[in-house]
């Protein structure tokens, strides 16, 4: 399984929902709280091609997008294959 990175902030409903979906699927992920680490926010923005909203989700080198994009991939049956690498 490729590494999964989720950039988040505390109390973000979409962040909580995205992490819950990944946990239901048994996916281990690295969570980076950008509220506490401004340099990590800059990293997120660069990796996400200028997007500043959270969550920003990466599976391996693929930028998935946010929570809605993650849910759409799951609903379309494409998330499992992306997670499998």
PDB file of N, CA and C in Angstrom:
ATOM      1  N   UNK A   1       0.842  -1.179   0.000  1.00  0.00           N
ATOM      2  CA  UNK A   1       0.000   0.000   0.000  1.00  0.00           C
ATOM      3  C   UNK A   1       0.883   1.237   0.000  1.00  0.00           C
ATOM      4  N   UNK A   2       0.611   2.168  -0.913  1.00  0.00           N
ATOM      5  CA  UNK A   2       1.390   3.404  -0.912  1.00  0.00           C
ATOM      6  C   UNK A   2       1.097   4.231   0.338  1.00  0.00           C
ATOM      7  N   UNK A   3       2.031   5.084   0.735  1.00  0.00           N
ATOM      8  CA  UNK A   3       1.772   5.906   1.919  1.00  0.00           C
ATOM      9  C   UNK A   3       0.628   6.889   1.660  1.00  0.00           C
ATOM     10  N   UNK A   4      -0.165   7.096   2.695  1.00  0.00           N
ATOM     11  CA  UNK A   4      -1.293   8.024   2.618  1.00  0.00           C
ATOM     12  C   UNK A   4      -1.010   9.168   3.584  1.00  0.00           C
ATOM     13  N   UNK A   5      -1.097  10.399   3.080  1.00  0.00           N
ATOM     14  CA  UNK A   5      -0.858  11.590   3.885  1.00  0.00           C
ATOM     15  C   UNK A   5      -2.110  12.451   3.826  1.00  0.00           C
ATOM     16  N   UNK A   6      -2.562  12.890   5.013  1.00  0.00           N
ATOM     17  CA  UNK A   6      -3.742  13.741   5.107  1.00  0.00           C
ATOM     18  C   UNK A   6      -3.353  15.005   5.865  1.00  0.00           C
ATOM     19  N   UNK A   7      -3.415  16.133   5.185  1.00  0.00           N
ATOM     20  CA  UNK A   7      -3.175  17.428   5.815  1.00  0.00           C
ATOM     21  C   UNK A   7      -4.501  17.899   6.406  1.00  0.00           C
ATOM     22  N   UNK A   8      -4.500  18.275   7.677  1.00  0.00           N
ATOM     23  CA  UNK A   8      -5.728  18.595   8.389  1.00  0.00           C
ATOM     24  C   UNK A   8      -5.570  19.836   9.265  1.00  0.00           C
ATOM     25  N   UNK A   9      -6.706  20.247   9.837  1.00  0.00           N
ATOM     26  CA  UNK A   9      -6.726  21.187  10.955  1.00  0.00           C
ATOM     27  C   UNK A   9      -7.694  20.612  11.984  1.00  0.00           C
ATOM     28  N   UNK A  10      -7.546  21.020  13.243  1.00  0.00           N
ATOM     29  CA  UNK A  10      -8.451  20.514  14.270  1.00  0.00           C
ATOM     30  C   UNK A  10      -9.889  20.992  14.022  1.00  0.00           C
ATOM     31  N   UNK A  11     -10.831  20.180  14.400  1.00  0.00           N
ATOM     32  CA  UNK A  11     -12.256  20.511  14.370  1.00  0.00           C
ATOM     33  C   UNK A  11     -12.816  20.731  12.972  1.00  0.00           C
ATOM     34  N   UNK A  12     -12.127  20.280  11.955  1.00  0.00           N
ATOM     35  CA  UNK A  12     -12.596  20.390  10.574  1.00  0.00           C
ATOM     36  C   UNK A  12     -13.478  19.182  10.270  1.00  0.00           C
ATOM     37  N   UNK A  13     -14.760  19.433   9.984  1.00  0.00           N
ATOM     38  CA  UNK A  13     -15.698  18.349   9.717  1.00  0.00           C
ATOM     39  C   UNK A  13     -15.242  17.476   8.551  1.00  0.00           C
ATOM     40  N   UNK A  14     -14.771  18.107   7.475  1.00  0.00           N
ATOM     41  CA  UNK A  14     -14.336  17.339   6.311  1.00  0.00           C
ATOM     42  C   UNK A  14     -13.097  16.502   6.618  1.00  0.00           C
ATOM     43  N   UNK A  15     -12.204  17.052   7.434  1.00  0.00           N
ATOM     44  CA  UNK A  15     -11.018  16.289   7.849  1.00  0.00           C
ATOM     45  C   UNK A  15     -11.434  15.063   8.654  1.00  0.00           C
ATOM     46  N   UNK A  16     -12.342  15.258   9.587  1.00  0.00           N
ATOM     47  CA  UNK A  16     -12.820  14.165  10.432  1.00  0.00           C
ATOM     48  C   UNK A  16     -13.488  13.100   9.573  1.00  0.00           C
ATOM     49  N   UNK A  17     -14.300  13.518   8.611  1.00  0.00           N
ATOM     50  CA  UNK A  17     -14.995  12.570   7.735  1.00  0.00           C
ATOM     51  C   UNK A  17     -14.025  11.781   6.863  1.00  0.00           C
ATOM     52  N   UNK A  18     -13.033  12.463   6.305  1.00  0.00           N
ATOM     53  CA  UNK A  18     -12.045  11.781   5.453  1.00  0.00           C
ATOM     54  C   UNK A  18     -11.253  10.764   6.259  1.00  0.00           C
ATOM     55  N   UNK A  19     -10.825  11.149   7.458  1.00  0.00           N
ATOM     56  CA  UNK A  19     -10.063  10.221   8.297  1.00  0.00           C
ATOM     57  C   UNK A  19     -10.924   9.030   8.701  1.00  0.00           C
ATOM     58  N   UNK A  20     -12.202   9.266   8.973  1.00  0.00           N
ATOM     59  CA  UNK A  20     -13.104   8.165   9.348  1.00  0.00           C
ATOM     60  C   UNK A  20     -13.251   7.174   8.196  1.00  0.00           C
ATOM     61  N   UNK A  21     -13.372   7.673   6.978  1.00  0.00           N
ATOM     62  CA  UNK A  21     -13.478   6.788   5.820  1.00  0.00           C
ATOM     63  C   UNK A  21     -12.221   5.947   5.675  1.00  0.00           C
ATOM     64  N   UNK A  22     -11.069   6.566   5.798  1.00  0.00           N
ATOM     65  CA  UNK A  22      -9.816   5.816   5.689  1.00  0.00           C
ATOM     66  C   UNK A  22      -9.706   4.774   6.797  1.00  0.00           C
ATOM     67  N   UNK A  23     -10.098   5.137   8.006  1.00  0.00           N
ATOM     68  CA  UNK A  23     -10.041   4.173   9.120  1.00  0.00           C
ATOM     69  C   UNK A  23     -10.982   2.996   8.891  1.00  0.00           C
ATOM     70  N   UNK A  24     -12.186   3.272   8.369  1.00  0.00           N
ATOM     71  CA  UNK A  24     -13.137   2.181   8.072  1.00  0.00           C
ATOM     72  C   UNK A  24     -12.537   1.203   7.077  1.00  0.00           C
ATOM     73  N   UNK A  25     -11.713   1.697   6.202  1.00  0.00           N
ATOM     74  CA  UNK A  25     -11.075   0.837   5.205  1.00  0.00           C
ATOM     75  C   UNK A  25      -9.794   0.191   5.734  1.00  0.00           C
ATOM     76  N   UNK A  26      -9.441   0.496   6.981  1.00  0.00           N
ATOM     77  CA  UNK A  26      -8.244  -0.083   7.576  1.00  0.00           C
ATOM     78  C   UNK A  26      -6.954   0.525   7.071  1.00  0.00           C
ATOM     79  N   UNK A  27      -7.024   1.759   6.592  1.00  0.00           N
ATOM     80  CA  UNK A  27      -5.860   2.425   6.018  1.00  0.00           C
ATOM     81  C   UNK A  27      -5.109   3.174   7.108  1.00  0.00           C
ATOM     82  N   UNK A  28      -3.826   2.914   7.198  1.00  0.00           N
ATOM     83  CA  UNK A  28      -2.971   3.708   8.073  1.00  0.00           C
ATOM     84  C   UNK A  28      -2.541   4.934   7.291  1.00  0.00           C
ATOM     85  N   UNK A  29      -2.553   6.087   7.946  1.00  0.00           N
ATOM     86  CA  UNK A  29      -2.190   7.312   7.255  1.00  0.00           C
ATOM     87  C   UNK A  29      -1.399   8.216   8.184  1.00  0.00           C
ATOM     88  N   UNK A  30      -0.672   9.111   7.564  1.00  0.00           N
ATOM     89  CA  UNK A  30       0.081  10.128   8.285  1.00  0.00           C
ATOM     90  C   UNK A  30      -0.780  11.385   8.288  1.00  0.00           C
ATOM     91  N   UNK A  31      -1.069  11.897   9.470  1.00  0.00           N
ATOM     92  CA  UNK A  31      -1.842  13.118   9.586  1.00  0.00           C
ATOM     93  C   UNK A  31      -0.911  14.273   9.914  1.00  0.00           C
ATOM     94  N   UNK A  32      -1.023  15.340   9.150  1.00  0.00           N
ATOM     95  CA  UNK A  32      -0.215  16.526   9.376  1.00  0.00           C
ATOM     96  C   UNK A  32      -1.160  17.683   9.687  1.00  0.00           C
ATOM     97  N   UNK A  33      -1.096  18.165  10.923  1.00  0.00           N
ATOM     98  CA  UNK A  33      -1.940  19.267  11.378  1.00  0.00           C
ATOM     99  C   UNK A  33      -1.277  20.577  10.972  1.00  0.00           C
ATOM    100  N   UNK A  34      -1.802  21.204   9.929  1.00  0.00           N
ATOM    101  CA  UNK A  34      -1.167  22.416   9.404  1.00  0.00           C
ATOM    102  C   UNK A  34      -1.470  23.661  10.237  1.00  0.00           C
ATOM    103  N   UNK A  35      -2.420  23.578  11.158  1.00  0.00           N
ATOM    104  CA  UNK A  35      -2.708  24.725  12.025  1.00  0.00           C
ATOM    105  C   UNK A  35      -1.544  24.991  12.976  1.00  0.00           C
ATOM    106  N   UNK A  36      -0.885  23.937  13.381  1.00  0.00           N
ATOM    107  CA  UNK A  36       0.213  24.061  14.335  1.00  0.00           C
ATOM    108  C   UNK A  36       1.575  24.261  13.682  1.00  0.00           C
ATOM    109  N   UNK A  37       1.669  23.966  12.392  1.00  0.00           N
ATOM    110  CA  UNK A  37       2.966  24.002  11.716  1.00  0.00           C
ATOM    111  C   UNK A  37       2.866  24.756  10.393  1.00  0.00           C
ATOM    112  N   UNK A  38       3.082  26.073  10.410  1.00  0.00           N
ATOM    113  CA  UNK A  38       2.950  26.881   9.188  1.00  0.00           C
ATOM    114  C   UNK A  38       3.826  26.402   8.034  1.00  0.00           C
ATOM    115  N   UNK A  39       4.997  25.865   8.334  1.00  0.00           N
ATOM    116  CA  UNK A  39       5.854  25.372   7.261  1.00  0.00           C
ATOM    117  C   UNK A  39       5.233  24.164   6.576  1.00  0.00           C
ATOM    118  N   UNK A  40       4.502  23.366   7.324  1.00  0.00           N
ATOM    119  CA  UNK A  40       3.826  22.212   6.732  1.00  0.00           C
ATOM    120  C   UNK A  40       2.634  22.660   5.881  1.00  0.00           C
ATOM    121  N   UNK A  41       1.997  23.788   6.258  1.00  0.00           N
ATOM    122  CA  UNK A  41       0.921  24.338   5.424  1.00  0.00           C
ATOM    123  C   UNK A  41       1.491  24.762   4.073  1.00  0.00           C
ATOM    124  N   UNK A  42       2.636  25.414   4.090  1.00  0.00           N
ATOM    125  CA  UNK A  42       3.279  25.822   2.836  1.00  0.00           C
ATOM    126  C   UNK A  42       3.617  24.595   1.988  1.00  0.00           C
ATOM    127  N   UNK A  43       4.080  23.540   2.636  1.00  0.00           N
ATOM    128  CA  UNK A  43       4.359  22.279   1.943  1.00  0.00           C
ATOM    129  C   UNK A  43       3.089  21.740   1.298  1.00  0.00           C
ATOM    130  N   UNK A  44       1.974  21.756   2.054  1.00  0.00           N
ATOM    131  CA  UNK A  44       0.687  21.262   1.545  1.00  0.00           C
ATOM    132  C   UNK A  44       0.261  22.064   0.314  1.00  0.00           C
ATOM    133  N   UNK A  45       0.330  23.380   0.410  1.00  0.00           N
ATOM    134  CA  UNK A  45      -0.099  24.241  -0.690  1.00  0.00           C
ATOM    135  C   UNK A  45       0.723  23.954  -1.938  1.00  0.00           C
ATOM    136  N   UNK A  46       2.019  23.768  -1.765  1.00  0.00           N
ATOM    137  CA  UNK A  46       2.885  23.462  -2.905  1.00  0.00           C
ATOM    138  C   UNK A  46       2.526  22.106  -3.509  1.00  0.00           C
ATOM    139  N   UNK A  47       2.362  21.090  -2.655  1.00  0.00           N
ATOM    140  CA  UNK A  47       2.033  19.750  -3.152  1.00  0.00           C
ATOM    141  C   UNK A  47       0.662  19.711  -3.809  1.00  0.00           C
ATOM    142  N   UNK A  48      -0.273  20.557  -3.320  1.00  0.00           N
ATOM    143  CA  UNK A  48      -1.651  20.559  -3.817  1.00  0.00           C
ATOM    144  C   UNK A  48      -1.859  21.607  -4.915  1.00  0.00           C
ATOM    145  N   UNK A  49      -0.774  22.048  -5.527  1.00  0.00           N
ATOM    146  CA  UNK A  49      -0.851  22.996  -6.637  1.00  0.00           C
ATOM    147  C   UNK A  49      -1.632  24.262  -6.294  1.00  0.00           C
ATOM    148  N   UNK A  50      -1.359  24.801  -5.107  1.00  0.00           N
ATOM    149  CA  UNK A  50      -1.947  26.074  -4.708  1.00  0.00           C
ATOM    150  C   UNK A  50      -3.216  25.979  -3.875  1.00  0.00           C
ATOM    151  N   UNK A  51      -3.762  24.792  -3.716  1.00  0.00           N
ATOM    152  CA  UNK A  51      -4.980  24.645  -2.904  1.00  0.00           C
ATOM    153  C   UNK A  51      -4.643  24.838  -1.435  1.00  0.00           C
ATOM    154  N   UNK A  52      -5.490  25.592  -0.732  1.00  0.00           N
ATOM    155  CA  UNK A  52      -5.226  25.934   0.663  1.00  0.00           C
ATOM    156  C   UNK A  52      -6.219  25.323   1.635  1.00  0.00           C
ATOM    157  N   UNK A  53      -7.281  24.715   1.127  1.00  0.00           N
ATOM    158  CA  UNK A  53      -8.299  24.141   2.007  1.00  0.00           C
ATOM    159  C   UNK A  53      -7.851  22.789   2.535  1.00  0.00           C
ATOM    160  N   UNK A  54      -8.430  22.406   3.651  1.00  0.00           N
ATOM    161  CA  UNK A  54      -8.166  21.083   4.218  1.00  0.00           C
ATOM    162  C   UNK A  54      -9.466  20.293   4.247  1.00  0.00           C
ATOM    163  N   UNK A  55      -9.352  18.988   4.195  1.00  0.00           N
ATOM    164  CA  UNK A  55      -8.112  18.225   4.069  1.00  0.00           C
ATOM    165  C   UNK A  55      -7.578  18.244   2.639  1.00  0.00           C
ATOM    166  N   UNK A  56      -6.307  17.989   2.531  1.00  0.00           N
ATOM    167  CA  UNK A  56      -5.676  17.662   1.255  1.00  0.00           C
ATOM    168  C   UNK A  56      -5.098  16.269   1.448  1.00  0.00           C
ATOM    169  N   UNK A  57      -5.464  15.367   0.560  1.00  0.00           N
ATOM    170  CA  UNK A  57      -5.150  13.948   0.725  1.00  0.00           C
ATOM    171  C   UNK A  57      -4.272  13.479  -0.427  1.00  0.00           C
ATOM    172  N   UNK A  58      -3.220  12.759  -0.063  1.00  0.00           N
ATOM    173  CA  UNK A  58      -2.297  12.195  -1.040  1.00  0.00           C
ATOM    174  C   UNK A  58      -2.178  10.699  -0.805  1.00  0.00           C
ATOM    175  N   UNK A  59      -2.269   9.951  -1.871  1.00  0.00           N
ATOM    176  CA  UNK A  59      -2.033   8.506  -1.828  1.00  0.00           C
ATOM    177  C   UNK A  59      -0.822   8.260  -2.706  1.00  0.00           C
ATOM    178  N   UNK A  60       0.279   7.896  -2.061  1.00  0.00           N
ATOM    179  CA  UNK A  60       1.542   7.833  -2.784  1.00  0.00           C
ATOM    180  C   UNK A  60       1.857   9.229  -3.301  1.00  0.00           C
ATOM    181  N   UNK A  61       2.140   9.337  -4.588  1.00  0.00           N
ATOM    182  CA  UNK A  61       2.410  10.645  -5.183  1.00  0.00           C
ATOM    183  C   UNK A  61       1.168  11.269  -5.795  1.00  0.00           C
ATOM    184  N   UNK A  62       0.038  10.566  -5.743  1.00  0.00           N
ATOM    185  CA  UNK A  62      -1.205  11.062  -6.331  1.00  0.00           C
ATOM    186  C   UNK A  62      -1.938  11.994  -5.371  1.00  0.00           C
ATOM    187  N   UNK A  63      -2.292  13.163  -5.869  1.00  0.00           N
ATOM    188  CA  UNK A  63      -3.091  14.109  -5.088  1.00  0.00           C
ATOM    189  C   UNK A  63      -4.555  13.765  -5.327  1.00  0.00           C
ATOM    190  N   UNK A  64      -5.208  13.266  -4.288  1.00  0.00           N
ATOM    191  CA  UNK A  64      -6.608  12.881  -4.389  1.00  0.00           C
ATOM    192  C   UNK A  64      -7.506  14.115  -4.365  1.00  0.00           C
ATOM    193  N   UNK A  65      -7.145  15.087  -3.544  1.00  0.00           N
ATOM    194  CA  UNK A  65      -7.987  16.266  -3.337  1.00  0.00           C
ATOM    195  C   UNK A  65      -8.457  16.274  -1.902  1.00  0.00           C
ATOM    196  N   UNK A  66      -9.703  16.668  -1.700  1.00  0.00           N
ATOM    197  CA  UNK A  66     -10.262  16.754  -0.364  1.00  0.00           C
ATOM    198  C   UNK A  66     -11.192  15.608  -0.038  1.00  0.00           C
ATOM    199  N   UNK A  67     -11.996  15.820   0.972  1.00  0.00           N
ATOM    200  CA  UNK A  67     -12.907  14.792   1.461  1.00  0.00           C
ATOM    201  C   UNK A  67     -13.919  14.369   0.396  1.00  0.00           C
ATOM    202  N   UNK A  68     -14.504  15.339  -0.286  1.00  0.00           N
ATOM    203  CA  UNK A  68     -15.524  15.008  -1.284  1.00  0.00           C
ATOM    204  C   UNK A  68     -14.941  14.176  -2.427  1.00  0.00           C
ATOM    205  N   UNK A  69     -13.734  14.489  -2.828  1.00  0.00           N
ATOM    206  CA  UNK A  69     -13.084  13.709  -3.881  1.00  0.00           C
ATOM    207  C   UNK A  69     -12.775  12.297  -3.396  1.00  0.00           C
ATOM    208  N   UNK A  70     -12.335  12.181  -2.140  1.00  0.00           N
ATOM    209  CA  UNK A  70     -12.073  10.869  -1.567  1.00  0.00           C
ATOM    210  C   UNK A  70     -13.355  10.039  -1.522  1.00  0.00           C
ATOM    211  N   UNK A  71     -14.446  10.649  -1.077  1.00  0.00           N
ATOM    212  CA  UNK A  71     -15.733   9.951  -1.019  1.00  0.00           C
ATOM    213  C   UNK A  71     -16.221   9.567  -2.412  1.00  0.00           C
ATOM    214  N   UNK A  72     -16.001  10.436  -3.387  1.00  0.00           N
ATOM    215  CA  UNK A  72     -16.409  10.132  -4.762  1.00  0.00           C
ATOM    216  C   UNK A  72     -15.633   8.943  -5.320  1.00  0.00           C
ATOM    217  N   UNK A  73     -14.334   8.896  -5.045  1.00  0.00           N
ATOM    218  CA  UNK A  73     -13.530   7.747  -5.480  1.00  0.00           C
ATOM    219  C   UNK A  73     -14.053   6.461  -4.856  1.00  0.00           C
ATOM    220  N   UNK A  74     -14.394   6.535  -3.570  1.00  0.00           N
ATOM    221  CA  UNK A  74     -14.909   5.355  -2.890  1.00  0.00           C
ATOM    222  C   UNK A  74     -16.251   4.943  -3.481  1.00  0.00           C
ATOM    223  N   UNK A  75     -17.126   5.915  -3.696  1.00  0.00           N
ATOM    224  CA  UNK A  75     -18.448   5.629  -4.255  1.00  0.00           C
ATOM    225  C   UNK A  75     -18.379   5.040  -5.657  1.00  0.00           C
ATOM    226  N   UNK A  76     -17.361   5.416  -6.413  1.00  0.00           N
ATOM    227  CA  UNK A  76     -17.190   4.905  -7.762  1.00  0.00           C
ATOM    228  C   UNK A  76     -16.442   3.575  -7.791  1.00  0.00           C
ATOM    229  N   UNK A  77     -16.028   3.095  -6.604  1.00  0.00           N
ATOM    230  CA  UNK A  77     -15.308   1.833  -6.539  1.00  0.00           C
ATOM    231  C   UNK A  77     -13.848   1.928  -6.970  1.00  0.00           C
ATOM    232  N   UNK A  78     -13.298   3.136  -6.988  1.00  0.00           N
ATOM    233  CA  UNK A  78     -11.927   3.324  -7.462  1.00  0.00           C
ATOM    234  C   UNK A  78     -10.909   3.505  -6.336  1.00  0.00           C
ATOM    235  N   UNK A  79     -11.381   3.759  -5.115  1.00  0.00           N
ATOM    236  CA  UNK A  79     -10.464   4.040  -4.022  1.00  0.00           C
ATOM    237  C   UNK A  79      -9.627   2.823  -3.642  1.00  0.00           C
ATOM    238  N   UNK A  80     -10.243   1.658  -3.574  1.00  0.00           N
ATOM    239  CA  UNK A  80      -9.507   0.459  -3.166  1.00  0.00           C
ATOM    240  C   UNK A  80      -8.329   0.160  -4.074  1.00  0.00           C
ATOM    241  N   UNK A  81      -8.525   0.312  -5.380  1.00  0.00           N
ATOM    242  CA  UNK A  81      -7.415   0.027  -6.308  1.00  0.00           C
ATOM    243  C   UNK A  81      -6.320   1.077  -6.173  1.00  0.00           C
ATOM    244  N   UNK A  82      -6.701   2.321  -5.913  1.00  0.00           N
ATOM    245  CA  UNK A  82      -5.701   3.373  -5.704  1.00  0.00           C
ATOM    246  C   UNK A  82      -4.891   3.091  -4.437  1.00  0.00           C
ATOM    247  N   UNK A  83      -5.573   2.629  -3.400  1.00  0.00           N
ATOM    248  CA  UNK A  83      -4.900   2.296  -2.141  1.00  0.00           C
ATOM    249  C   UNK A  83      -3.998   1.071  -2.273  1.00  0.00           C
ATOM    250  N   UNK A  84      -4.376   0.173  -3.180  1.00  0.00           N
ATOM    251  CA  UNK A  84      -3.583  -1.050  -3.374  1.00  0.00           C
ATOM    252  C   UNK A  84      -2.280  -0.759  -4.113  1.00  0.00           C
ATOM    253  N   UNK A  85      -2.223   0.384  -4.767  1.00  0.00           N
ATOM    254  CA  UNK A  85      -0.995   0.755  -5.480  1.00  0.00           C
ATOM    255  C   UNK A  85      -1.023   0.282  -6.849  1.00  0.00           C
TER     256      UNK A  85
END
